[in-house]
Amino acid sequence: MAAYPSSTLEFLARERDPFHNPIGYVLREHLPALAAELLGSMDRARVAEALEPIVRIGAVQDVDASQVVGFIFRLKRILRARWQGRDVDVRIVGDRIDDAALLAFDLFVKCREQVYAAKADEVRRRVAQVERIYLGAGRR
């Protein structure tokens, strides 16, 4: 959440409608599953399932991968602060967070590739339409 301005944070927390606030909705829906996997069995498929919608939103925005994936690394700081003095192996969860970050980066790249492919297809369609109009007008 640190990637967003404070005014946006208020909106993300307050607005519950998934159509008005898709980012807040996706975070509320999928962060608990991600946390459960990081702290539980760490099933890679379920981690990917939780991360994919979160990463997809960032991939369609004009932001760097570090901003999209960076939230995962911030979880380490949160865990260290919360579990300080407890008999919990923070290193194991830290390693899981690293694995999840790599997975999130892979998902981000895949989503960005899809975005760029869609943009390239749109440009091809527009060029083809212009060619049809131009070539069709030249034949008359």
Protein backbone atom coordinates (compact mmCIF):
# COMPACT_ATOMS: atom_id res chain seq x y z
CA MET A 1 0.00 0.00 0.00
CA ALA A 2 3.03 2.26 0.41
CA ALA A 3 3.15 2.67 -3.37
CA TYR A 4 -0.08 4.70 -3.33
CA PRO A 5 -0.61 8.31 -2.18
CA SER A 6 -2.45 8.77 1.13
CA SER A 7 -5.62 10.05 -0.58
CA THR A 8 -5.70 6.88 -2.69
CA LEU A 9 -5.17 4.73 0.38
CA GLU A 10 -8.25 6.21 2.02
CA PHE A 11 -10.30 5.45 -1.07
CA LEU A 12 -8.92 1.89 -1.35
CA ALA A 13 -9.82 1.21 2.28
CA ARG A 14 -13.25 2.89 2.21
CA GLU A 15 -14.78 1.94 -1.16
CA ARG A 16 -16.04 -1.67 -1.20
CA ASP A 17 -17.60 -1.78 -4.68
CA PRO A 18 -15.37 -3.90 -6.96
CA PHE A 19 -16.39 -1.83 -10.00
CA HIS A 20 -15.52 1.50 -8.38
CA ASN A 21 -12.44 0.18 -6.61
CA PRO A 22 -11.03 -2.89 -8.38
CA ILE A 23 -7.62 -2.50 -6.73
CA GLY A 24 -9.02 -2.46 -3.21
CA TYR A 25 -11.34 -5.34 -4.03
CA VAL A 26 -8.56 -7.50 -5.46
CA LEU A 27 -6.28 -6.78 -2.51
CA ARG A 28 -9.01 -7.60 0.03
CA GLU A 29 -9.91 -10.80 -1.82
CA HIS A 30 -6.43 -12.18 -2.50
CA LEU A 31 -3.99 -10.92 0.15
CA PRO A 32 -5.46 -13.17 2.87
CA ALA A 33 -4.94 -16.24 0.67
CA LEU A 34 -1.37 -15.16 -0.08
CA ALA A 35 -0.64 -14.67 3.63
CA ALA A 36 -2.16 -18.04 4.44
CA GLU A 37 0.11 -19.75 1.95
CA LEU A 38 3.22 -17.89 3.08
CA LEU A 39 2.52 -18.88 6.67
CA GLY A 40 1.14 -22.33 5.86
CA SER A 41 1.89 -24.98 3.31
CA MET A 42 3.24 -22.63 0.58
CA ASP A 43 1.49 -24.37 -2.28
CA ARG A 44 3.01 -22.70 -5.37
CA ALA A 45 -0.19 -23.01 -7.42
CA ARG A 46 -2.26 -21.32 -4.72
CA VAL A 47 0.37 -18.60 -4.28
CA ALA A 48 0.23 -17.95 -8.03
CA GLU A 49 -3.57 -17.93 -7.89
CA ALA A 50 -3.49 -15.30 -5.15
CA LEU A 51 -0.76 -13.20 -6.78
CA GLU A 52 -2.01 -13.19 -10.37
CA PRO A 53 -4.96 -10.76 -9.97
CA ILE A 54 -2.84 -8.41 -7.84
CA VAL A 55 0.03 -8.42 -10.32
CA ARG A 56 -2.31 -8.15 -13.33
CA ILE A 57 -3.68 -4.83 -12.07
CA GLY A 58 -0.16 -3.45 -11.78
CA ALA A 59 0.85 -4.82 -15.19
CA VAL A 60 -1.83 -2.82 -16.99
CA GLN A 61 -0.83 0.38 -15.21
CA ASP A 62 2.15 2.46 -16.29
CA VAL A 63 4.34 1.51 -13.33
CA ASP A 64 7.63 -0.31 -12.88
CA ALA A 65 7.81 -3.97 -11.95
CA SER A 66 9.48 -2.99 -8.68
CA GLN A 67 6.38 -1.04 -7.65
CA VAL A 68 4.10 -3.95 -8.48
CA VAL A 69 6.18 -6.72 -6.95
CA GLY A 70 7.80 -4.68 -4.18
CA PHE A 71 4.90 -5.11 -1.78
CA ILE A 72 5.91 -8.72 -1.27
CA PHE A 73 9.33 -7.76 0.08
CA ARG A 74 7.71 -5.34 2.51
CA LEU A 75 6.07 -8.34 4.13
CA LYS A 76 9.47 -9.29 5.58
CA ARG A 77 9.64 -6.03 7.50
CA ILE A 78 6.12 -6.51 8.77
CA LEU A 79 6.89 -10.04 9.94
CA ARG A 80 10.10 -9.02 11.67
CA ALA A 81 8.30 -6.27 13.54
CA ARG A 82 5.33 -8.46 14.50
CA TRP A 83 7.30 -11.57 15.44
CA GLN A 84 10.18 -9.91 17.24
CA GLY A 85 10.99 -11.94 20.35
CA ARG A 86 8.73 -14.85 19.40
CA ASP A 87 9.90 -18.39 18.84
CA VAL A 88 9.12 -18.37 15.12
CA ASP A 89 11.55 -19.09 12.32
CA VAL A 90 11.26 -15.88 10.35
CA ARG A 91 13.91 -17.15 7.92
CA ILE A 92 11.63 -19.86 6.57
CA VAL A 93 8.84 -17.40 5.92
CA GLY A 94 11.40 -14.95 4.53
CA ASP A 95 12.53 -17.56 2.03
CA ARG A 96 8.91 -18.18 1.08
CA ILE A 97 8.44 -14.46 0.55
CA ASP A 98 11.47 -14.43 -1.74
CA ASP A 99 10.01 -17.33 -3.72
CA ALA A 100 6.67 -15.55 -3.95
CA ALA A 101 8.40 -12.39 -5.17
CA LEU A 102 10.12 -14.31 -7.96
CA LEU A 103 6.81 -15.88 -8.90
CA ALA A 104 5.15 -12.45 -8.87
CA PHE A 105 7.84 -11.08 -11.15
CA ASP A 106 7.30 -13.98 -13.60
CA LEU A 107 3.55 -13.29 -13.52
CA PHE A 108 4.17 -9.57 -14.05
CA VAL A 109 6.32 -10.24 -17.13
CA LYS A 110 3.71 -12.63 -18.53
CA CYS A 111 0.92 -10.09 -17.96
CA ARG A 112 2.98 -7.27 -19.53
CA GLU A 113 3.65 -9.48 -22.56
CA GLN A 114 -0.10 -9.95 -22.92
CA VAL A 115 -0.67 -6.19 -22.66
CA TYR A 116 1.97 -5.44 -25.30
CA ALA A 117 0.63 -8.19 -27.58
CA ALA A 118 -2.87 -6.70 -27.31
CA LYS A 119 -1.49 -3.23 -28.13
CA ALA A 120 0.43 -4.61 -31.13
CA ASP A 121 -2.71 -6.39 -32.37
CA GLU A 122 -4.67 -3.15 -32.09
CA VAL A 123 -2.03 -1.27 -34.09
CA ARG A 124 -2.11 -4.00 -36.77
CA ARG A 125 -5.90 -3.75 -36.98
CA ARG A 126 -5.75 0.01 -37.34
CA VAL A 127 -3.06 -0.16 -40.02
CA ALA A 128 -5.03 -2.79 -41.90
CA GLN A 129 -8.14 -0.61 -41.71
CA VAL A 130 -6.23 2.43 -42.99
CA GLU A 131 -4.77 0.31 -45.81
CA ARG A 132 -8.23 -0.93 -46.79
CA ILE A 133 -9.58 2.61 -46.82
CA TYR A 134 -6.57 4.04 -48.67
CA LEU A 135 -6.20 1.19 -51.16
CA GLY A 136 -9.95 0.95 -51.65
CA ALA A 137 -10.18 4.68 -52.43
CA GLY A 138 -7.25 4.46 -54.87
CA ARG A 139 -8.96 1.77 -56.96
CA ARG A 140 -11.98 3.88 -57.84
